[in-house]
PDB file of all heavy atoms in Angstrom:
ATOM      1  N   GLY A   1      63.622  28.384 -24.119  1.00  0.00           N
ATOM      2  CA  GLY A   1      62.288  28.962 -23.952  1.00  0.00           C
ATOM      3  C   GLY A   1      62.303  30.412 -23.534  1.00  0.00           C
ATOM      4  O   GLY A   1      61.248  31.020 -23.388  1.00  0.00           O
ATOM      5  N   GLY A   2      63.476  30.972 -23.318  1.00  0.00           N
ATOM      6  CA  GLY A   2      63.560  32.381 -22.958  1.00  0.00           C
ATOM      7  C   GLY A   2      63.683  32.626 -21.471  1.00  0.00           C
ATOM      8  O   GLY A   2      63.737  33.776 -21.038  1.00  0.00           O
ATOM      9  N   ASP A   3      63.705  31.556 -20.640  1.00  0.00           N
ATOM     10  CA  ASP A   3      63.837  31.730 -19.203  1.00  0.00           C
ATOM     11  C   ASP A   3      65.269  32.123 -18.861  1.00  0.00           C
ATOM     12  O   ASP A   3      66.219  31.620 -19.443  1.00  0.00           O
ATOM     13  CB  ASP A   3      63.473  30.444 -18.453  1.00  0.00           C
ATOM     14  CG  ASP A   3      62.017  30.054 -18.713  1.00  0.00           C
ATOM     15  OD1 ASP A   3      61.211  30.992 -18.892  1.00  0.00           O
ATOM     16  OD2 ASP A   3      61.718  28.843 -18.720  1.00  0.00           O
ATOM     17  N   VAL A   4      65.420  33.006 -17.896  1.00  0.00           N
ATOM     18  CA  VAL A   4      66.731  33.498 -17.497  1.00  0.00           C
ATOM     19  C   VAL A   4      67.152  32.827 -16.211  1.00  0.00           C
ATOM     20  O   VAL A   4      66.402  32.783 -15.244  1.00  0.00           O
ATOM     21  CB  VAL A   4      66.711  35.032 -17.310  1.00  0.00           C
ATOM     22  CG1 VAL A   4      68.073  35.524 -16.838  1.00  0.00           C
ATOM     23  CG2 VAL A   4      66.322  35.710 -18.612  1.00  0.00           C
ATOM     24  N   VAL A   5      68.363  32.284 -16.227  1.00  0.00           N
ATOM     25  CA  VAL A   5      68.927  31.642 -15.045  1.00  0.00           C
ATOM     26  C   VAL A   5      70.276  32.274 -14.785  1.00  0.00           C
ATOM     27  O   VAL A   5      71.018  32.566 -15.719  1.00  0.00           O
ATOM     28  CB  VAL A   5      69.080  30.119 -15.256  1.00  0.00           C
ATOM     29  CG1 VAL A   5      69.657  29.474 -14.008  1.00  0.00           C
ATOM     30  CG2 VAL A   5      67.753  29.496 -15.627  1.00  0.00           C
ATOM     31  N   HIS A   6      70.612  32.488 -13.515  1.00  0.00           N
ATOM     32  CA  HIS A   6      71.882  33.115 -13.164  1.00  0.00           C
ATOM     33  C   HIS A   6      72.817  32.046 -12.627  1.00  0.00           C
ATOM     34  O   HIS A   6      72.513  31.354 -11.661  1.00  0.00           O
ATOM     35  CB  HIS A   6      71.654  34.208 -12.119  1.00  0.00           C
ATOM     36  CG  HIS A   6      70.723  35.270 -12.595  1.00  0.00           C
ATOM     37  ND1 HIS A   6      71.100  36.289 -13.439  1.00  0.00           N
ATOM     38  CD2 HIS A   6      69.398  35.437 -12.379  1.00  0.00           C
ATOM     39  CE1 HIS A   6      70.065  37.049 -13.701  1.00  0.00           C
ATOM     40  NE2 HIS A   6      69.026  36.551 -13.070  1.00  0.00           N
ATOM     41  N   SER A   7      73.938  31.914 -13.267  1.00  0.00           N
ATOM     42  CA  SER A   7      74.878  30.866 -12.899  1.00  0.00           C
ATOM     43  C   SER A   7      75.651  31.245 -11.655  1.00  0.00           C
ATOM     44  O   SER A   7      75.725  32.404 -11.278  1.00  0.00           O
ATOM     45  CB  SER A   7      75.855  30.628 -14.052  1.00  0.00           C
ATOM     46  OG  SER A   7      76.644  31.785 -14.260  1.00  0.00           O
ATOM     47  N   ALA A   8      76.237  30.221 -11.002  1.00  0.00           N
ATOM     48  CA  ALA A   8      77.020  30.474  -9.795  1.00  0.00           C
ATOM     49  C   ALA A   8      78.284  31.247 -10.117  1.00  0.00           C
ATOM     50  O   ALA A   8      78.811  31.987  -9.291  1.00  0.00           O
ATOM     51  CB  ALA A   8      77.368  29.142  -9.123  1.00  0.00           C
ATOM     52  N   ALA A   9      78.815  31.061 -11.343  1.00  0.00           N
ATOM     53  CA  ALA A   9      80.046  31.758 -11.721  1.00  0.00           C
ATOM     54  C   ALA A   9      79.838  33.259 -11.827  1.00  0.00           C
ATOM     55  O   ALA A   9      80.734  34.044 -11.569  1.00  0.00           O
ATOM     56  CB  ALA A   9      80.559  31.205 -13.055  1.00  0.00           C
ATOM     57  N   ALA A  10      78.642  33.650 -12.225  1.00  0.00           N
ATOM     58  CA  ALA A  10      78.343  35.074 -12.326  1.00  0.00           C
ATOM     59  C   ALA A  10      77.024  35.312 -11.610  1.00  0.00           C
ATOM     60  O   ALA A  10      75.972  35.230 -12.211  1.00  0.00           O
ATOM     61  CB  ALA A  10      78.244  35.508 -13.797  1.00  0.00           C
ATOM     62  N   PRO A  11      77.028  35.551 -10.300  1.00  0.00           N
ATOM     63  CA  PRO A  11      75.798  35.701  -9.535  1.00  0.00           C
ATOM     64  C   PRO A  11      74.994  36.909  -9.986  1.00  0.00           C
ATOM     65  O   PRO A  11      75.525  37.857 -10.552  1.00  0.00           O
ATOM     66  CB  PRO A  11      76.298  35.868  -8.094  1.00  0.00           C
ATOM     67  CG  PRO A  11      77.703  36.357  -8.238  1.00  0.00           C
ATOM     68  CD  PRO A  11      78.226  35.732  -9.486  1.00  0.00           C
ATOM     69  N   TYR A  12      73.733  36.841  -9.639  1.00  0.00           N
ATOM     70  CA  TYR A  12      72.792  37.882 -10.027  1.00  0.00           C
ATOM     71  C   TYR A  12      73.141  39.207  -9.363  1.00  0.00           C
ATOM     72  O   TYR A  12      73.310  39.282  -8.146  1.00  0.00           O
ATOM     73  CB  TYR A  12      71.392  37.441  -9.625  1.00  0.00           C
ATOM     74  CG  TYR A  12      70.333  38.494  -9.823  1.00  0.00           C
ATOM     75  CD1 TYR A  12      70.154  39.113 -11.053  1.00  0.00           C
ATOM     76  CD2 TYR A  12      69.492  38.843  -8.765  1.00  0.00           C
ATOM     77  CE1 TYR A  12      69.175  40.057 -11.229  1.00  0.00           C
ATOM     78  CE2 TYR A  12      68.515  39.777  -8.936  1.00  0.00           C
ATOM     79  CZ  TYR A  12      68.354  40.389 -10.160  1.00  0.00           C
ATOM     80  OH  TYR A  12      67.381  41.317 -10.324  1.00  0.00           O
ATOM     81  N   ASP A  13      73.261  40.240 -10.151  1.00  0.00           N
ATOM     82  CA  ASP A  13      73.580  41.566  -9.639  1.00  0.00           C
ATOM     83  C   ASP A  13      72.285  42.354  -9.511  1.00  0.00           C
ATOM     84  O   ASP A  13      71.823  42.973 -10.458  1.00  0.00           O
ATOM     85  CB  ASP A  13      74.558  42.271 -10.588  1.00  0.00           C
ATOM     86  CG  ASP A  13      75.055  43.597 -10.005  1.00  0.00           C
ATOM     87  OD1 ASP A  13      74.637  43.915  -8.873  1.00  0.00           O
ATOM     88  OD2 ASP A  13      75.842  44.274 -10.675  1.00  0.00           O
ATOM     89  N   ALA A  14      71.701  42.329  -8.306  1.00  0.00           N
ATOM     90  CA  ALA A  14      70.424  43.008  -8.103  1.00  0.00           C
ATOM     91  C   ALA A  14      70.571  44.512  -8.223  1.00  0.00           C
ATOM     92  O   ALA A  14      69.668  45.207  -8.662  1.00  0.00           O
ATOM     93  CB  ALA A  14      69.858  42.647  -6.727  1.00  0.00           C
ATOM     94  N   ALA A  15      71.730  45.033  -7.828  1.00  0.00           N
ATOM     95  CA  ALA A  15      71.930  46.480  -7.888  1.00  0.00           C
ATOM     96  C   ALA A  15      71.896  46.985  -9.321  1.00  0.00           C
ATOM     97  O   ALA A  15      71.389  48.056  -9.611  1.00  0.00           O
ATOM     98  CB  ALA A  15      73.261  46.841  -7.227  1.00  0.00           C
ATOM     99  N   ALA A  16      72.444  46.164 -10.245  1.00  0.00           N
ATOM    100  CA  ALA A  16      72.444  46.581 -11.647  1.00  0.00           C
ATOM    101  C   ALA A  16      71.029  46.609 -12.199  1.00  0.00           C
ATOM    102  O   ALA A  16      70.651  47.520 -12.929  1.00  0.00           O
ATOM    103  CB  ALA A  16      73.314  45.626 -12.473  1.00  0.00           C
ATOM    104  N   ASP A  17      70.219  45.591 -11.858  1.00  0.00           N
ATOM    105  CA  ASP A  17      68.838  45.559 -12.327  1.00  0.00           C
ATOM    106  C   ASP A  17      68.003  46.667 -11.705  1.00  0.00           C
ATOM    107  O   ASP A  17      66.994  47.080 -12.256  1.00  0.00           O
ATOM    108  CB  ASP A  17      68.192  44.198 -12.007  1.00  0.00           C
ATOM    109  CG  ASP A  17      68.556  43.154 -13.048  1.00  0.00           C
ATOM    110  OD1 ASP A  17      69.330  43.503 -13.963  1.00  0.00           O
ATOM    111  OD2 ASP A  17      68.084  42.007 -12.943  1.00  0.00           O
ATOM    112  N   ALA A  18      68.398  47.143 -10.540  1.00  0.00           N
ATOM    113  CA  ALA A  18      67.632  48.190  -9.865  1.00  0.00           C
ATOM    114  C   ALA A  18      68.101  49.579 -10.273  1.00  0.00           C
ATOM    115  O   ALA A  18      67.769  50.561  -9.632  1.00  0.00           O
ATOM    116  CB  ALA A  18      67.757  48.025  -8.356  1.00  0.00           C
ATOM    117  N   GLY A  19      68.894  49.662 -11.320  1.00  0.00           N
ATOM    118  CA  GLY A  19      69.338  50.956 -11.806  1.00  0.00           C
ATOM    119  C   GLY A  19      70.429  51.556 -10.948  1.00  0.00           C
ATOM    120  O   GLY A  19      70.520  52.766 -10.799  1.00  0.00           O
ATOM    121  N   GLY A  20      71.279  50.701 -10.342  1.00  0.00           N
ATOM    122  CA  GLY A  20      72.376  51.212  -9.530  1.00  0.00           C
ATOM    123  C   GLY A  20      72.061  51.306  -8.055  1.00  0.00           C
ATOM    124  O   GLY A  20      72.896  51.754  -7.281  1.00  0.00           O
ATOM    125  N   LEU A  21      70.863  50.919  -7.634  1.00  0.00           N
ATOM    126  CA  LEU A  21      70.510  50.958  -6.222  1.00  0.00           C
ATOM    127  C   LEU A  21      71.335  49.932  -5.466  1.00  0.00           C
ATOM    128  O   LEU A  21      71.282  48.741  -5.756  1.00  0.00           O
ATOM    129  CB  LEU A  21      69.015  50.654  -6.050  1.00  0.00           C
ATOM    130  CG  LEU A  21      68.458  50.743  -4.627  1.00  0.00           C
ATOM    131  CD1 LEU A  21      68.513  52.177  -4.138  1.00  0.00           C
ATOM    132  CD2 LEU A  21      67.027  50.226  -4.597  1.00  0.00           C
ATOM    133  N   SER A  22      72.122  50.376  -4.500  1.00  0.00           N
ATOM    134  CA  SER A  22      73.035  49.482  -3.784  1.00  0.00           C
ATOM    135  C   SER A  22      72.613  49.226  -2.348  1.00  0.00           C
ATOM    136  O   SER A  22      73.363  48.642  -1.595  1.00  0.00           O
ATOM    137  CB  SER A  22      74.449  50.072  -3.791  1.00  0.00           C
ATOM    138  OG  SER A  22      74.451  51.352  -3.188  1.00  0.00           O
ATOM    139  N   PHE A  23      71.445  49.691  -1.954  1.00  0.00           N
ATOM    140  CA  PHE A  23      70.962  49.412  -0.611  1.00  0.00           C
ATOM    141  C   PHE A  23      69.464  49.105  -0.680  1.00  0.00           C
ATOM    142  O   PHE A  23      68.749  49.578  -1.564  1.00  0.00           O
ATOM    143  CB  PHE A  23      71.222  50.595   0.332  1.00  0.00           C
ATOM    144  CG  PHE A  23      70.447  51.843  -0.035  1.00  0.00           C
ATOM    145  CD1 PHE A  23      69.242  52.124   0.567  1.00  0.00           C
ATOM    146  CD2 PHE A  23      70.943  52.729  -0.967  1.00  0.00           C
ATOM    147  CE1 PHE A  23      68.530  53.266   0.236  1.00  0.00           C
ATOM    148  CE2 PHE A  23      70.240  53.875  -1.316  1.00  0.00           C
ATOM    149  CZ  PHE A  23      69.029  54.138  -0.702  1.00  0.00           C
ATOM    150  N   TYR A  24      69.014  48.322   0.286  1.00  0.00           N
ATOM    151  CA  TYR A  24      67.635  47.866   0.295  1.00  0.00           C
ATOM    152  C   TYR A  24      67.072  48.059   1.693  1.00  0.00           C
ATOM    153  O   TYR A  24      67.382  47.288   2.606  1.00  0.00           O
ATOM    154  CB  TYR A  24      67.558  46.398  -0.139  1.00  0.00           C
ATOM    155  CG  TYR A  24      68.136  46.187  -1.512  1.00  0.00           C
ATOM    156  CD1 TYR A  24      69.480  45.873  -1.684  1.00  0.00           C
ATOM    157  CD2 TYR A  24      67.341  46.363  -2.639  1.00  0.00           C
ATOM    158  CE1 TYR A  24      70.021  45.723  -2.947  1.00  0.00           C
ATOM    159  CE2 TYR A  24      67.876  46.216  -3.905  1.00  0.00           C
ATOM    160  CZ  TYR A  24      69.215  45.893  -4.058  1.00  0.00           C
ATOM    161  OH  TYR A  24      69.757  45.754  -5.304  1.00  0.00           O
ATOM    162  N   PRO A  25      66.276  49.096   1.911  1.00  0.00           N
ATOM    163  CA  PRO A  25      65.803  49.422   3.257  1.00  0.00           C
ATOM    164  C   PRO A  25      64.995  48.309   3.916  1.00  0.00           C
ATOM    165  O   PRO A  25      64.928  48.246   5.142  1.00  0.00           O
ATOM    166  CB  PRO A  25      64.929  50.669   3.024  1.00  0.00           C
ATOM    167  CG  PRO A  25      65.410  51.240   1.731  1.00  0.00           C
ATOM    168  CD  PRO A  25      65.835  50.078   0.904  1.00  0.00           C
ATOM    169  N   LEU A  26      64.380  47.436   3.125  1.00  0.00           N
ATOM    170  CA  LEU A  26      63.536  46.391   3.696  1.00  0.00           C
ATOM    171  C   LEU A  26      64.309  45.115   4.024  1.00  0.00           C
ATOM    172  O   LEU A  26      63.721  44.164   4.541  1.00  0.00           O
ATOM    173  CB  LEU A  26      62.385  46.073   2.736  1.00  0.00           C
ATOM    174  CG  LEU A  26      61.441  47.237   2.421  1.00  0.00           C
ATOM    175  CD1 LEU A  26      60.301  46.781   1.523  1.00  0.00           C
ATOM    176  CD2 LEU A  26      60.881  47.856   3.704  1.00  0.00           C
TER     177      LEU A  26
END
């Protein structure tokens, strides 16, 4: 159906989706 799931073998890389942002002030 097009839903995206992130497997345990390859965890979700939030920094990559944020355009390289590697810190989160909040």
